C-alpha atoms as a PDB file:
ATOM      1  CA  MET A   1       0.000   0.000   0.000  1.00  0.00           C
ATOM      2  CA  TYR A   2       2.691   2.489   0.986  1.00  0.00           C
ATOM      3  CA  PHE A   3       4.792   1.452  -1.987  1.00  0.00           C
ATOM      4  CA  LYS A   4       1.887   2.131  -4.363  1.00  0.00           C
ATOM      5  CA  CYS A   5       1.341   5.605  -2.849  1.00  0.00           C
ATOM      6  CA  PHE A   6       5.067   6.299  -3.066  1.00  0.00           C
ATOM      7  CA  VAL A   7       5.169   5.277  -6.744  1.00  0.00           C
ATOM      8  CA  THR A   8       2.102   7.427  -7.457  1.00  0.00           C
ATOM      9  CA  LEU A   9       3.738  10.391  -5.749  1.00  0.00           C
ATOM     10  CA  ILE A  10       6.958   9.929  -7.730  1.00  0.00           C
ATOM     11  CA  LEU A  11       5.006   9.717 -10.997  1.00  0.00           C
ATOM     12  CA  MET A  12       3.129  12.912 -10.156  1.00  0.00           C
ATOM     13  CA  VAL A  13       6.365  14.769  -9.402  1.00  0.00           C
ATOM     14  CA  LEU A  14       7.953  13.528 -12.635  1.00  0.00           C
ATOM     15  CA  THR A  15       4.887  14.523 -14.659  1.00  0.00           C
ATOM     16  CA  MET A  16       4.960  18.023 -13.189  1.00  0.00           C
ATOM     17  CA  SER A  17       8.704  18.282 -13.877  1.00  0.00           C
ATOM     18  CA  VAL A  18       8.269  17.307 -17.522  1.00  0.00           C
ATOM     19  CA  GLY A  19       5.445  19.829 -17.893  1.00  0.00           C
ATOM     20  CA  HIS A  20       7.638  22.539 -16.386  1.00  0.00           C
ATOM     21  CA  CYS A  21      10.499  21.688 -18.771  1.00  0.00           C
ATOM     22  CA  GLN A  22       8.154  21.907 -21.763  1.00  0.00           C
ATOM     23  CA  GLU A  23       6.852  25.301 -20.619  1.00  0.00           C
ATOM     24  CA  GLN A  24      10.402  26.487 -20.039  1.00  0.00           C
ATOM     25  CA  SER A  25      11.361  25.349 -23.531  1.00  0.00           C
ATOM     26  CA  LYS A  26       8.511  27.329 -25.108  1.00  0.00           C
ATOM     27  CA  GLU A  27       9.508  30.410 -23.156  1.00  0.00           C
ATOM     28  CA  ASP A  28      13.152  29.939 -24.165  1.00  0.00           C
ATOM     29  CA  LEU A  29      12.083  29.686 -27.809  1.00  0.00           C
ATOM     30  CA  ASP A  30      10.016  32.845 -27.452  1.00  0.00           C
ATOM     31  CA  PHE A  31      12.987  34.662 -25.893  1.00  0.00           C
ATOM     32  CA  ALA A  32      15.123  33.558 -28.853  1.00  0.00           C
ATOM     33  CA  VAL A  33      12.529  34.979 -31.294  1.00  0.00           C
ATOM     34  CA  ILE A  34      12.508  38.274 -29.391  1.00  0.00           C
ATOM     35  CA  ASP A  35      16.306  38.399 -29.171  1.00  0.00           C
ATOM     36  CA  SER A  36      16.695  37.754 -32.910  1.00  0.00           C
ATOM     37  CA  PHE A  37      14.153  40.495 -33.683  1.00  0.00           C
ATOM     38  CA  LEU A  38      15.939  43.033 -31.467  1.00  0.00           C
ATOM     39  CA  THR A  39      19.368  42.066 -32.817  1.00  0.00           C
ATOM     40  CA  ASP A  40      18.221  42.578 -36.411  1.00  0.00           C
ATOM     41  CA  LEU A  41      16.555  45.873 -35.501  1.00  0.00           C
ATOM     42  CA  ASP A  42      19.801  47.031 -33.944  1.00  0.00           C
ATOM     43  CA  ASP A  43      21.729  46.251 -37.150  1.00  0.00           C
ATOM     44  CA  PRO A  44      21.353  49.211 -39.555  1.00  0.00           C
ATOM     45  CA  SER A  45      22.260  47.012 -42.522  1.00  0.00           C
ATOM     46  CA  PHE A  46      18.898  45.196 -42.186  1.00  0.00           C
ATOM     47  CA  ARG A  47      16.195  47.073 -44.088  1.00  0.00           C
ATOM     48  CA  ALA A  48      12.769  47.426 -42.488  1.00  0.00           C
ATOM     49  CA  ASP A  49      11.133  45.314 -45.219  1.00  0.00           C
ATOM     50  CA  VAL A  50      13.599  42.485 -44.546  1.00  0.00           C
ATOM     51  CA  ILE A  51      12.843  42.637 -40.830  1.00  0.00           C
ATOM     52  CA  LEU A  52       9.119  42.526 -41.609  1.00  0.00           C
ATOM     53  CA  SER A  53       9.423  39.461 -43.809  1.00  0.00           C
ATOM     54  CA  LYS A  54      11.760  37.651 -41.416  1.00  0.00           C
ATOM     55  CA  HIS A  55      10.177  38.411 -38.051  1.00  0.00           C
ATOM     56  CA  ILE A  56       6.611  39.648 -38.435  1.00  0.00           C
ATOM     57  CA  LEU A  57       3.621  37.390 -39.028  1.00  0.00           C
ATOM     58  CA  ILE A  58       1.555  39.194 -41.626  1.00  0.00           C
ATOM     59  CA  GLU A  59      -1.806  37.553 -42.280  1.00  0.00           C
ATOM     60  CA  GLN A  60      -4.234  40.424 -42.812  1.00  0.00           C
ATOM     61  CA  THR A  61      -2.196  43.290 -44.260  1.00  0.00           C
ATOM     62  CA  ASP A  62      -2.527  43.288 -48.014  1.00  0.00           C
ATOM     63  CA  THR A  63      -2.259  46.934 -49.087  1.00  0.00           C
ATOM     64  CA  ASP A  64       0.769  49.083 -49.833  1.00  0.00           C
ATOM     65  CA  GLU A  65      -0.418  51.539 -47.196  1.00  0.00           C
ATOM     66  CA  GLY A  66      -0.533  48.752 -44.613  1.00  0.00           C
ATOM     67  CA  TYR A  67       3.013  47.638 -45.405  1.00  0.00           C
ATOM     68  CA  ASP A  68       4.209  51.249 -45.413  1.00  0.00           C
ATOM     69  CA  TYR A  69       2.687  51.701 -41.952  1.00  0.00           C
ATOM     70  CA  LEU A  70       4.413  48.562 -40.664  1.00  0.00           C
ATOM     71  CA  GLU A  71       7.766  49.618 -42.152  1.00  0.00           C
ATOM     72  CA  ALA A  72       7.412  53.055 -40.545  1.00  0.00           C
ATOM     73  CA  SER A  73       6.589  51.349 -37.237  1.00  0.00           C
ATOM     74  CA  ILE A  74       9.679  49.139 -37.517  1.00  0.00           C
ATOM     75  CA  ASN A  75      11.788  52.223 -38.186  1.00  0.00           C
ATOM     76  CA  GLU A  76      10.262  53.954 -35.152  1.00  0.00           C
ATOM     77  CA  ILE A  77      11.121  50.977 -32.919  1.00  0.00           C
ATOM     78  CA  ARG A  78      14.606  50.939 -34.423  1.00  0.00           C
ATOM     79  CA  LEU A  79      15.040  54.625 -33.633  1.00  0.00           C
ATOM     80  CA  ASN A  80      13.947  53.981 -30.051  1.00  0.00           C
ATOM     81  CA  LEU A  81      16.511  51.156 -29.738  1.00  0.00           C
ATOM     82  CA  GLN A  82      19.472  53.261 -30.901  1.00  0.00           C
ATOM     83  CA  SER A  83      20.039  54.773 -27.478  1.00  0.00           C
ATOM     84  CA  LYS A  84      19.708  51.468 -25.636  1.00  0.00           C
ATOM     85  CA  GLN A  85      22.004  48.562 -24.879  1.00  0.00           C
ATOM     86  CA  LEU A  86      20.365  45.328 -26.018  1.00  0.00           C
ATOM     87  CA  ASP A  87      21.730  43.320 -23.105  1.00  0.00           C
ATOM     88  CA  GLN A  88      19.825  45.588 -20.720  1.00  0.00           C
ATOM     89  CA  ILE A  89      16.438  44.956 -22.345  1.00  0.00           C
ATOM     90  CA  GLU A  90      14.383  42.502 -20.358  1.00  0.00           C
ATOM     91  CA  ALA A  91      11.477  40.538 -21.864  1.00  0.00           C
ATOM     92  CA  ILE A  92       8.898  39.698 -19.228  1.00  0.00           C
ATOM     93  CA  PRO A  93       6.022  37.315 -19.937  1.00  0.00           C
ATOM     94  CA  PHE A  94       2.502  38.588 -19.287  1.00  0.00           C
ATOM     95  CA  HIS A  95       1.944  36.136 -16.423  1.00  0.00           C
ATOM     96  CA  LYS A  96       5.055  37.320 -14.555  1.00  0.00           C
ATOM     97  CA  LEU A  97       4.026  40.975 -14.497  1.00  0.00           C
ATOM     98  CA  PRO A  98       2.273  42.491 -11.498  1.00  0.00           C
ATOM     99  CA  LYS A  99      -1.511  42.657 -11.901  1.00  0.00           C
ATOM    100  CA  LYS A 100      -1.363  46.481 -11.997  1.00  0.00           C
ATOM    101  CA  GLU A 101       0.708  46.242 -15.209  1.00  0.00           C
ATOM    102  CA  THR A 102      -1.791  43.994 -17.010  1.00  0.00           C
ATOM    103  CA  ARG A 103      -5.228  44.937 -15.684  1.00  0.00           C
ATOM    104  CA  ASP A 104      -5.831  47.369 -18.564  1.00  0.00           C
ATOM    105  CA  ILE A 105      -5.016  44.812 -21.286  1.00  0.00           C
ATOM    106  CA  ASP A 106      -7.775  42.807 -22.952  1.00  0.00           C
ATOM    107  CA  PRO A 107      -6.233  39.643 -24.449  1.00  0.00           C
ATOM    108  CA  GLU A 108      -9.360  39.197 -26.637  1.00  0.00           C
ATOM    109  CA  GLY A 109      -8.988  35.431 -26.572  1.00  0.00           C
ATOM    110  CA  LYS A 110      -5.306  35.478 -27.472  1.00  0.00           C
ATOM    111  CA  SER A 111      -3.024  33.349 -25.335  1.00  0.00           C
ATOM    112  CA  THR A 112      -1.403  35.467 -22.646  1.00  0.00           C
ATOM    113  CA  SER A 113       1.481  32.963 -22.589  1.00  0.00           C
ATOM    114  CA  ASP A 114       2.460  34.458 -25.970  1.00  0.00           C
ATOM    115  CA  MET A 115       2.521  38.060 -24.705  1.00  0.00           C
ATOM    116  CA  TYR A 116       5.766  39.697 -23.637  1.00  0.00           C
ATOM    117  CA  PHE A 117       6.608  43.162 -22.428  1.00  0.00           C
ATOM    118  CA  LEU A 118      10.050  44.624 -23.014  1.00  0.00           C
ATOM    119  CA  PHE A 119      11.538  46.806 -20.334  1.00  0.00           C
ATOM    120  CA  TYR A 120      14.669  48.927 -20.420  1.00  0.00           C
ATOM    121  CA  LYS A 121      15.997  50.025 -17.045  1.00  0.00           C
ATOM    122  CA  GLY A 122      12.612  49.374 -15.480  1.00  0.00           C
ATOM    123  CA  ARG A 123      10.555  51.273 -18.054  1.00  0.00           C
ATOM    124  CA  GLN A 124       8.250  49.535 -20.512  1.00  0.00           C
ATOM    125  CA  MET A 125       9.304  50.184 -24.077  1.00  0.00           C
ATOM    126  CA  LEU A 126       7.444  47.646 -26.211  1.00  0.00           C
ATOM    127  CA  ALA A 127       4.798  44.939 -26.004  1.00  0.00           C
ATOM    128  CA  LEU A 128       4.938  41.860 -28.241  1.00  0.00           C
ATOM    129  CA  TYR A 129       2.469  39.125 -29.100  1.00  0.00           C
ATOM    130  CA  LEU A 130       4.042  36.007 -30.629  1.00  0.00           C
ATOM    131  CA  LYS A 131       2.409  33.396 -32.838  1.00  0.00           C
ATOM    132  CA  ASN A 132       3.947  30.622 -34.954  1.00  0.00           C
ATOM    133  CA  ASP A 133       7.488  31.619 -33.866  1.00  0.00           C
ATOM    134  CA  LYS A 134       7.037  35.132 -35.252  1.00  0.00           C
ATOM    135  CA  ILE A 135       5.852  38.447 -33.912  1.00  0.00           C
ATOM    136  CA  ALA A 136       2.136  38.767 -34.610  1.00  0.00           C
ATOM    137  CA  SER A 137       1.916  42.211 -33.009  1.00  0.00           C
ATOM    138  CA  PHE A 138       4.156  44.892 -31.625  1.00  0.00           C
ATOM    139  CA  THR A 139       1.263  47.329 -31.397  1.00  0.00           C
ATOM    140  CA  LEU A 140      -0.751  47.709 -28.218  1.00  0.00           C
ATOM    141  CA  VAL A 141      -3.559  50.234 -28.694  1.00  0.00           C
ATOM    142  CA  SER A 142      -6.479  51.564 -26.708  1.00  0.00           C
ATOM    143  CA  LYS A 143      -9.832  50.045 -27.556  1.00  0.00           C
ATOM    144  CA  GLY A 144     -11.925  52.107 -25.164  1.00  0.00           C
ATOM    145  CA  ASN A 145     -13.211  51.442 -21.648  1.00  0.00           C
ATOM    146  CA  ASN A 146      -9.645  52.043 -20.416  1.00  0.00           C
ATOM    147  CA  LEU A 147      -8.502  48.787 -22.029  1.00  0.00           C
ATOM    148  CA  ALA A 148      -5.804  48.085 -24.599  1.00  0.00           C
ATOM    149  CA  HIS A 149      -5.374  45.207 -27.023  1.00  0.00           C
ATOM    150  CA  PHE A 150      -2.819  43.833 -29.471  1.00  0.00           C
ATOM    151  CA  VAL A 151      -3.396  44.637 -33.132  1.00  0.00           C
ATOM    152  CA  THR A 152      -2.372  41.798 -35.436  1.00  0.00           C
ATOM    153  CA  TYR A 153      -1.311  42.302 -39.016  1.00  0.00           C
END
């Protein structure tokens, strides 16, 4: 009887450990996507259109104006990064932020485990939503009622 309980307990601990490793692996992959995006943004030899095609998941944008807007946005983020040291930018997952930092964000059914907030020296500088190993949104906008949401492209 005790042996059976002990075996059950061990199996439960191992199952939880494997689950934790899988979650850690997903987060590590997401951090790698974010790091690659920031590294390419920091390299002036990468054109904005190349960064868009390599890093941004574009499913709904199909007009020249839409692409021009996204390129301008990439250039704006790039400009903001120029005065920062990449190794001091911290990506924090949605679920690890204090409630006061996330209470005004409406995930709109999107997985919060794919949402990251980039901080530089304690100040938020960018919010990212990842999907399919790409950035599905770097735009967090107000939608009314004091809530914000991620706009996907």
